[in-house]
Amino acid sequence: MDRIRPGVRIEADAHVHPSVVLGPEAYVGHGAVISEGCRIGERTKVWHYANVLHHCDVGADSMVGAYVQLDPEVVIGRRVRIQPHTIVSTANVGDDAYIGPHVIIANMPYPPGKRFVRAIIEEGVIIAMSAILLPGVRIGKRAVIGAGAVVTKDVPAEALVFGNPARVHSTRQDYDRRQAEWEKGIGSTAAEKSRRA
C-alpha cells in the first residue's frame, strides 16, 4: 500500500513522518505535525498546527481542528469533528462524535506519572466547549456533555449531563428537540431566558 494516496495535500511547512499513511484526499495544514506510525483516513483534514503524536489512527471523513493535540495511540472513528485547542489524551472516540473547542480528555489520575487510563467515547457523542473528562471515563452512545462540564464518572447512553461534577439533567431526545427548535428559529438560549425573567 502506498503511504500517500491520490489527491493528498500537505502544506509545505507541515511535518509528516515518513511512516505515516495518508488516505486519498487527506489534508495536512500549515505547521501540523503527524508523528510516526499514524494512519489518517480518506478525506480527513488535520488543520493548522495540530499535533498528532505517534501511532494515532484517525478515521475517514474526520476533522482534527487547528491547535488540537492527539496524544499517542488515540483512536478516532469516522466522521468525527474535533474543534480547535482540544487535547485528547489516551482515548477511543467512536464514529460521528463531536468534540467542541477547548475540551480536555485527561489520561493520568495522579500526575505526573507513567500509567495512563484510556477514556472511551462511544458513537454519536456530543461534547460541548471547555468540558473536562477525567481519566478513564466512558461516555455512552449519543450522550451529550454540556459546556464547561467536569465529567468525573461514566455517563450513560442518551444522557445529557452538565455541571461540576457533571450530573444527568435530561436526555439526548430532549437535546435533539431543542436543537431542532433552535434551528427553526423557535427556541432560545438559557441566557436569553434569564434576561426575560
C-alpha atoms as a PDB file:
ATOM      1  CA  MET A   1       0.000   0.000   0.000  1.00  0.00           C
ATOM      2  CA  ASP A   2       1.308   3.446  -0.891  1.00  0.00           C
ATOM      3  CA  ARG A   3       1.968   5.709   2.043  1.00  0.00           C
ATOM      4  CA  ILE A   4       0.308   8.727   0.433  1.00  0.00           C
ATOM      5  CA  ARG A   5      -2.780   8.259  -1.711  1.00  0.00           C
ATOM      6  CA  PRO A   6      -4.053  10.334  -4.671  1.00  0.00           C
ATOM      7  CA  GLY A   7      -5.345  13.838  -4.006  1.00  0.00           C
ATOM      8  CA  VAL A   8      -3.500  14.243  -0.694  1.00  0.00           C
ATOM      9  CA  ARG A   9      -2.464  17.818   0.077  1.00  0.00           C
ATOM     10  CA  ILE A  10       0.295  18.557   2.584  1.00  0.00           C
ATOM     11  CA  GLU A  11       1.230  22.185   3.210  1.00  0.00           C
ATOM     12  CA  ALA A  12       4.950  22.910   2.746  1.00  0.00           C
ATOM     13  CA  ASP A  13       5.569  23.729   6.418  1.00  0.00           C
ATOM     14  CA  ALA A  14       3.760  20.660   7.797  1.00  0.00           C
ATOM     15  CA  HIS A  15       5.841  17.834   9.262  1.00  0.00           C
ATOM     16  CA  VAL A  16       4.664  14.330   8.367  1.00  0.00           C
ATOM     17  CA  HIS A  17       6.814  11.369   9.461  1.00  0.00           C
ATOM     18  CA  PRO A  18       7.763   9.052   6.563  1.00  0.00           C
ATOM     19  CA  SER A  19       5.880   6.131   8.174  1.00  0.00           C
ATOM     20  CA  VAL A  20       2.524   7.956   8.222  1.00  0.00           C
ATOM     21  CA  VAL A  21      -0.212   6.568   5.962  1.00  0.00           C
ATOM     22  CA  LEU A  22      -2.498   9.229   4.483  1.00  0.00           C
ATOM     23  CA  GLY A  23      -5.764   8.189   2.814  1.00  0.00           C
ATOM     24  CA  PRO A  24      -6.973   9.592  -0.512  1.00  0.00           C
ATOM     25  CA  GLU A  25      -7.822  13.306  -0.445  1.00  0.00           C
ATOM     26  CA  ALA A  26      -6.492  13.806   3.109  1.00  0.00           C
ATOM     27  CA  TYR A  27      -5.271  17.292   4.007  1.00  0.00           C
ATOM     28  CA  VAL A  28      -2.483  18.342   6.396  1.00  0.00           C
ATOM     29  CA  GLY A  29      -2.461  22.051   7.249  1.00  0.00           C
ATOM     30  CA  HIS A  30       0.284  24.605   7.860  1.00  0.00           C
ATOM     31  CA  GLY A  31       2.588  23.720  10.739  1.00  0.00           C
ATOM     32  CA  ALA A  32       0.767  20.485  11.572  1.00  0.00           C
ATOM     33  CA  VAL A  33       2.871  17.618  12.911  1.00  0.00           C
ATOM     34  CA  ILE A  34       1.949  13.972  12.355  1.00  0.00           C
ATOM     35  CA  SER A  35       4.309  11.572  14.115  1.00  0.00           C
ATOM     36  CA  GLU A  36       5.469   8.064  13.278  1.00  0.00           C
ATOM     37  CA  GLY A  37       3.060   5.196  12.753  1.00  0.00           C
ATOM     38  CA  CYS A  38      -0.099   7.289  12.345  1.00  0.00           C
ATOM     39  CA  ARG A  39      -2.901   6.496   9.932  1.00  0.00           C
ATOM     40  CA  ILE A  40      -5.081   9.322   8.625  1.00  0.00           C
ATOM     41  CA  GLY A  41      -8.274   8.304   6.815  1.00  0.00           C
ATOM     42  CA  GLU A  42      -9.517   9.360   3.429  1.00  0.00           C
ATOM     43  CA  ARG A  43     -10.849  12.918   3.127  1.00  0.00           C
ATOM     44  CA  THR A  44      -9.753  13.657   6.706  1.00  0.00           C
ATOM     45  CA  LYS A  45      -8.429  17.118   7.450  1.00  0.00           C
ATOM     46  CA  VAL A  46      -5.703  17.779  10.017  1.00  0.00           C
ATOM     47  CA  TRP A  47      -5.773  21.556  10.325  1.00  0.00           C
ATOM     48  CA  HIS A  48      -3.061  24.091  11.010  1.00  0.00           C
ATOM     49  CA  TYR A  49      -0.647  23.462  13.880  1.00  0.00           C
ATOM     50  CA  ALA A  50      -2.393  20.289  15.059  1.00  0.00           C
ATOM     51  CA  ASN A  51      -0.078  17.812  16.788  1.00  0.00           C
ATOM     52  CA  VAL A  52      -0.874  14.137  16.142  1.00  0.00           C
ATOM     53  CA  LEU A  53       1.511  12.021  18.207  1.00  0.00           C
ATOM     54  CA  HIS A  54       2.770   8.528  17.374  1.00  0.00           C
ATOM     55  CA  HIS A  55       0.528   5.611  16.422  1.00  0.00           C
ATOM     56  CA  CYS A  56      -2.749   7.536  16.285  1.00  0.00           C
ATOM     57  CA  ASP A  57      -5.484   6.272  13.983  1.00  0.00           C
ATOM     58  CA  VAL A  58      -7.927   8.852  12.613  1.00  0.00           C
ATOM     59  CA  GLY A  59     -10.871   7.541  10.584  1.00  0.00           C
ATOM     60  CA  ALA A  60     -12.220   8.722   7.248  1.00  0.00           C
ATOM     61  CA  ASP A  61     -14.108  11.993   6.757  1.00  0.00           C
ATOM     62  CA  SER A  62     -12.971  13.368  10.111  1.00  0.00           C
ATOM     63  CA  MET A  63     -11.561  16.739  11.134  1.00  0.00           C
ATOM     64  CA  VAL A  64      -8.762  17.461  13.601  1.00  0.00           C
ATOM     65  CA  GLY A  65      -9.006  21.199  14.240  1.00  0.00           C
ATOM     66  CA  ALA A  66      -6.259  23.799  14.499  1.00  0.00           C
ATOM     67  CA  TYR A  67      -4.001  23.509  17.554  1.00  0.00           C
ATOM     68  CA  VAL A  68      -5.515  20.160  18.596  1.00  0.00           C
ATOM     69  CA  GLN A  69      -3.257  17.638  20.293  1.00  0.00           C
ATOM     70  CA  LEU A  70      -3.879  13.901  19.954  1.00  0.00           C
ATOM     71  CA  ASP A  71      -1.660  12.033  22.402  1.00  0.00           C
ATOM     72  CA  PRO A  72      -0.032   8.696  21.445  1.00  0.00           C
ATOM     73  CA  GLU A  73      -2.267   5.808  20.384  1.00  0.00           C
ATOM     74  CA  VAL A  74      -5.512   7.789  20.287  1.00  0.00           C
ATOM     75  CA  VAL A  75      -8.124   6.124  18.080  1.00  0.00           C
ATOM     76  CA  ILE A  76     -10.632   8.395  16.315  1.00  0.00           C
ATOM     77  CA  GLY A  77     -13.599   6.973  14.390  1.00  0.00           C
ATOM     78  CA  ARG A  78     -15.188   8.054  11.115  1.00  0.00           C
ATOM     79  CA  ARG A  79     -16.915  11.431  10.624  1.00  0.00           C
ATOM     80  CA  VAL A  80     -15.588  12.807  13.935  1.00  0.00           C
ATOM     81  CA  ARG A  81     -15.208  16.579  14.410  1.00  0.00           C
ATOM     82  CA  ILE A  82     -12.605  17.792  16.910  1.00  0.00           C
ATOM     83  CA  GLN A  83     -12.683  21.570  17.243  1.00  0.00           C
ATOM     84  CA  PRO A  84      -9.624  23.798  17.847  1.00  0.00           C
ATOM     85  CA  HIS A  85      -7.486  23.912  21.001  1.00  0.00           C
ATOM     86  CA  THR A  86      -8.621  20.494  22.270  1.00  0.00           C
ATOM     87  CA  ILE A  87      -6.426  17.859  23.932  1.00  0.00           C
ATOM     88  CA  VAL A  88      -7.327  14.188  23.520  1.00  0.00           C
ATOM     89  CA  SER A  89      -5.153  12.013  25.748  1.00  0.00           C
ATOM     90  CA  THR A  90      -5.320   8.202  25.577  1.00  0.00           C
ATOM     91  CA  ALA A  91      -8.862   7.755  24.260  1.00  0.00           C
ATOM     92  CA  ASN A  92     -11.006   5.857  21.797  1.00  0.00           C
ATOM     93  CA  VAL A  93     -13.562   8.107  20.088  1.00  0.00           C
ATOM     94  CA  GLY A  94     -16.457   6.453  18.245  1.00  0.00           C
ATOM     95  CA  ASP A  95     -17.910   7.348  14.858  1.00  0.00           C
ATOM     96  CA  ASP A  96     -19.910  10.563  14.390  1.00  0.00           C
ATOM     97  CA  ALA A  97     -18.723  12.187  17.628  1.00  0.00           C
ATOM     98  CA  TYR A  98     -18.406  15.954  18.015  1.00  0.00           C
ATOM     99  CA  ILE A  99     -15.792  17.380  20.396  1.00  0.00           C
ATOM    100  CA  GLY A 100     -16.022  21.131  20.898  1.00  0.00           C
ATOM    101  CA  PRO A 101     -13.207  23.651  21.301  1.00  0.00           C
ATOM    102  CA  HIS A 102     -11.005  23.754  24.409  1.00  0.00           C
ATOM    103  CA  VAL A 103     -12.071  20.284  25.595  1.00  0.00           C
ATOM    104  CA  ILE A 104      -9.609  18.261  27.681  1.00  0.00           C
ATOM    105  CA  ILE A 105      -9.793  14.475  27.809  1.00  0.00           C
ATOM    106  CA  ALA A 106      -7.305  13.564  30.541  1.00  0.00           C
ATOM    107  CA  ASN A 107      -5.436  10.282  30.929  1.00  0.00           C
ATOM    108  CA  MET A 108      -3.419  10.445  34.154  1.00  0.00           C
ATOM    109  CA  PRO A 109      -5.224  10.092  37.518  1.00  0.00           C
ATOM    110  CA  TYR A 110      -2.162  11.053  39.581  1.00  0.00           C
ATOM    111  CA  PRO A 111       0.148  13.320  37.550  1.00  0.00           C
ATOM    112  CA  PRO A 112       2.973  13.342  36.907  1.00  0.00           C
ATOM    113  CA  GLY A 113       3.278   9.640  36.273  1.00  0.00           C
ATOM    114  CA  LYS A 114       3.822   6.861  33.779  1.00  0.00           C
ATOM    115  CA  ARG A 115       0.495   4.983  33.906  1.00  0.00           C
ATOM    116  CA  PHE A 116      -2.312   6.154  31.655  1.00  0.00           C
ATOM    117  CA  VAL A 117      -6.019   5.330  31.670  1.00  0.00           C
ATOM    118  CA  ARG A 118      -7.962   5.249  28.386  1.00  0.00           C
ATOM    119  CA  ALA A 119     -11.270   7.128  28.067  1.00  0.00           C
ATOM    120  CA  ILE A 120     -13.971   5.616  25.865  1.00  0.00           C
ATOM    121  CA  ILE A 121     -16.248   7.959  23.939  1.00  0.00           C
ATOM    122  CA  GLU A 122     -18.905   5.982  22.109  1.00  0.00           C
ATOM    123  CA  GLU A 123     -20.656   6.722  18.807  1.00  0.00           C
ATOM    124  CA  GLY A 124     -22.579   9.940  18.257  1.00  0.00           C
ATOM    125  CA  VAL A 125     -21.450  11.675  21.454  1.00  0.00           C
ATOM    126  CA  ILE A 126     -21.511  15.485  21.630  1.00  0.00           C
ATOM    127  CA  ILE A 127     -19.020  17.196  23.948  1.00  0.00           C
ATOM    128  CA  ALA A 128     -19.535  20.958  24.190  1.00  0.00           C
ATOM    129  CA  MET A 129     -16.822  23.582  24.618  1.00  0.00           C
ATOM    130  CA  SER A 130     -14.439  23.595  27.572  1.00  0.00           C
ATOM    131  CA  ALA A 131     -15.650  20.313  29.072  1.00  0.00           C
ATOM    132  CA  ILE A 132     -13.113  18.271  31.035  1.00  0.00           C
ATOM    133  CA  LEU A 133     -13.251  14.472  31.083  1.00  0.00           C
ATOM    134  CA  LEU A 134     -11.251  12.864  33.863  1.00  0.00           C
ATOM    135  CA  PRO A 135      -9.143   9.769  33.138  1.00  0.00           C
ATOM    136  CA  GLY A 136     -10.867   6.508  32.259  1.00  0.00           C
ATOM    137  CA  VAL A 137     -14.459   7.710  31.930  1.00  0.00           C
ATOM    138  CA  ARG A 138     -16.831   6.035  29.483  1.00  0.00           C
ATOM    139  CA  ILE A 139     -19.283   8.275  27.656  1.00  0.00           C
ATOM    140  CA  GLY A 140     -22.239   6.217  26.404  1.00  0.00           C
ATOM    141  CA  LYS A 141     -23.628   6.250  22.892  1.00  0.00           C
ATOM    142  CA  ARG A 142     -25.235   9.570  21.840  1.00  0.00           C
ATOM    143  CA  ALA A 143     -24.698  11.200  25.238  1.00  0.00           C
ATOM    144  CA  VAL A 144     -24.338  14.999  25.423  1.00  0.00           C
ATOM    145  CA  ILE A 145     -21.768  16.688  27.674  1.00  0.00           C
ATOM    146  CA  GLY A 146     -22.640  20.338  28.370  1.00  0.00           C
ATOM    147  CA  ALA A 147     -20.272  23.292  28.087  1.00  0.00           C
ATOM    148  CA  GLY A 148     -17.783  23.507  30.949  1.00  0.00           C
ATOM    149  CA  ALA A 149     -18.841  20.192  32.476  1.00  0.00           C
ATOM    150  CA  VAL A 150     -16.349  18.278  34.614  1.00  0.00           C
ATOM    151  CA  VAL A 151     -17.019  14.594  33.985  1.00  0.00           C
ATOM    152  CA  THR A 152     -15.768  12.541  36.935  1.00  0.00           C
ATOM    153  CA  LYS A 153     -17.603   9.262  36.245  1.00  0.00           C
ATOM    154  CA  ASP A 154     -19.187   7.272  33.424  1.00  0.00           C
ATOM    155  CA  VAL A 155     -22.109   8.840  31.544  1.00  0.00           C
ATOM    156  CA  PRO A 156     -24.972   6.598  30.396  1.00  0.00           C
ATOM    157  CA  ALA A 157     -26.037   6.393  26.759  1.00  0.00           C
ATOM    158  CA  GLU A 158     -28.539   9.041  25.611  1.00  0.00           C
ATOM    159  CA  ALA A 159     -27.985  11.196  28.746  1.00  0.00           C
ATOM    160  CA  LEU A 160     -27.461  14.959  28.799  1.00  0.00           C
ATOM    161  CA  VAL A 161     -25.063  15.962  31.579  1.00  0.00           C
ATOM    162  CA  PHE A 162     -23.609  19.267  32.749  1.00  0.00           C
ATOM    163  CA  GLY A 163     -22.153  20.910  35.827  1.00  0.00           C
ATOM    164  CA  ASN A 164     -19.192  20.344  38.150  1.00  0.00           C
ATOM    165  CA  PRO A 165     -19.284  17.499  38.796  1.00  0.00           C
ATOM    166  CA  ALA A 166     -21.389  16.597  35.761  1.00  0.00           C
ATOM    167  CA  ARG A 167     -24.788  15.106  36.551  1.00  0.00           C
ATOM    168  CA  VAL A 168     -27.634  13.824  34.383  1.00  0.00           C
ATOM    169  CA  HIS A 169     -30.165  16.599  33.768  1.00  0.00           C
ATOM    170  CA  SER A 170     -32.034  15.431  30.678  1.00  0.00           C
ATOM    171  CA  THR A 171     -31.883  13.160  27.621  1.00  0.00           C
ATOM    172  CA  ARG A 172     -30.465  13.247  24.108  1.00  0.00           C
ATOM    173  CA  GLN A 173     -34.025  13.178  22.804  1.00  0.00           C
ATOM    174  CA  ASP A 174     -34.747  16.451  24.641  1.00  0.00           C
ATOM    175  CA  TYR A 175     -31.461  17.939  23.371  1.00  0.00           C
ATOM    176  CA  ASP A 176     -32.279  16.975  19.770  1.00  0.00           C
ATOM    177  CA  ARG A 177     -35.757  18.532  20.107  1.00  0.00           C
ATOM    178  CA  ARG A 178     -34.321  21.788  21.470  1.00  0.00           C
ATOM    179  CA  GLN A 179     -31.652  21.879  18.759  1.00  0.00           C
ATOM    180  CA  ALA A 180     -34.290  21.386  16.034  1.00  0.00           C
ATOM    181  CA  GLU A 181     -36.403  24.209  17.534  1.00  0.00           C
ATOM    182  CA  TRP A 182     -33.352  26.474  17.648  1.00  0.00           C
ATOM    183  CA  GLU A 183     -32.523  25.789  14.002  1.00  0.00           C
ATOM    184  CA  LYS A 184     -36.121  26.683  13.037  1.00  0.00           C
ATOM    185  CA  GLY A 185     -35.899  29.942  14.991  1.00  0.00           C
ATOM    186  CA  ILE A 186     -38.340  28.763  17.654  1.00  0.00           C
ATOM    187  CA  GLY A 187     -36.164  28.194  20.714  1.00  0.00           C
ATOM    188  CA  SER A 188     -33.999  30.474  22.818  1.00  0.00           C
ATOM    189  CA  THR A 189     -30.776  30.086  24.751  1.00  0.00           C
ATOM    190  CA  ALA A 190     -30.610  29.833  28.546  1.00  0.00           C
ATOM    191  CA  ALA A 191     -29.042  33.323  28.610  1.00  0.00           C
ATOM    192  CA  GLU A 192     -31.968  34.780  26.649  1.00  0.00           C
ATOM    193  CA  LYS A 193     -34.453  33.121  29.003  1.00  0.00           C
ATOM    194  CA  SER A 194     -32.688  34.532  32.069  1.00  0.00           C
ATOM    195  CA  ARG A 195     -32.761  38.083  30.612  1.00  0.00           C
ATOM    196  CA  ARG A 196     -36.553  37.820  30.198  1.00  0.00           C
ATOM    197  CA  ALA A 197     -37.055  36.607  33.780  1.00  0.00           C
END
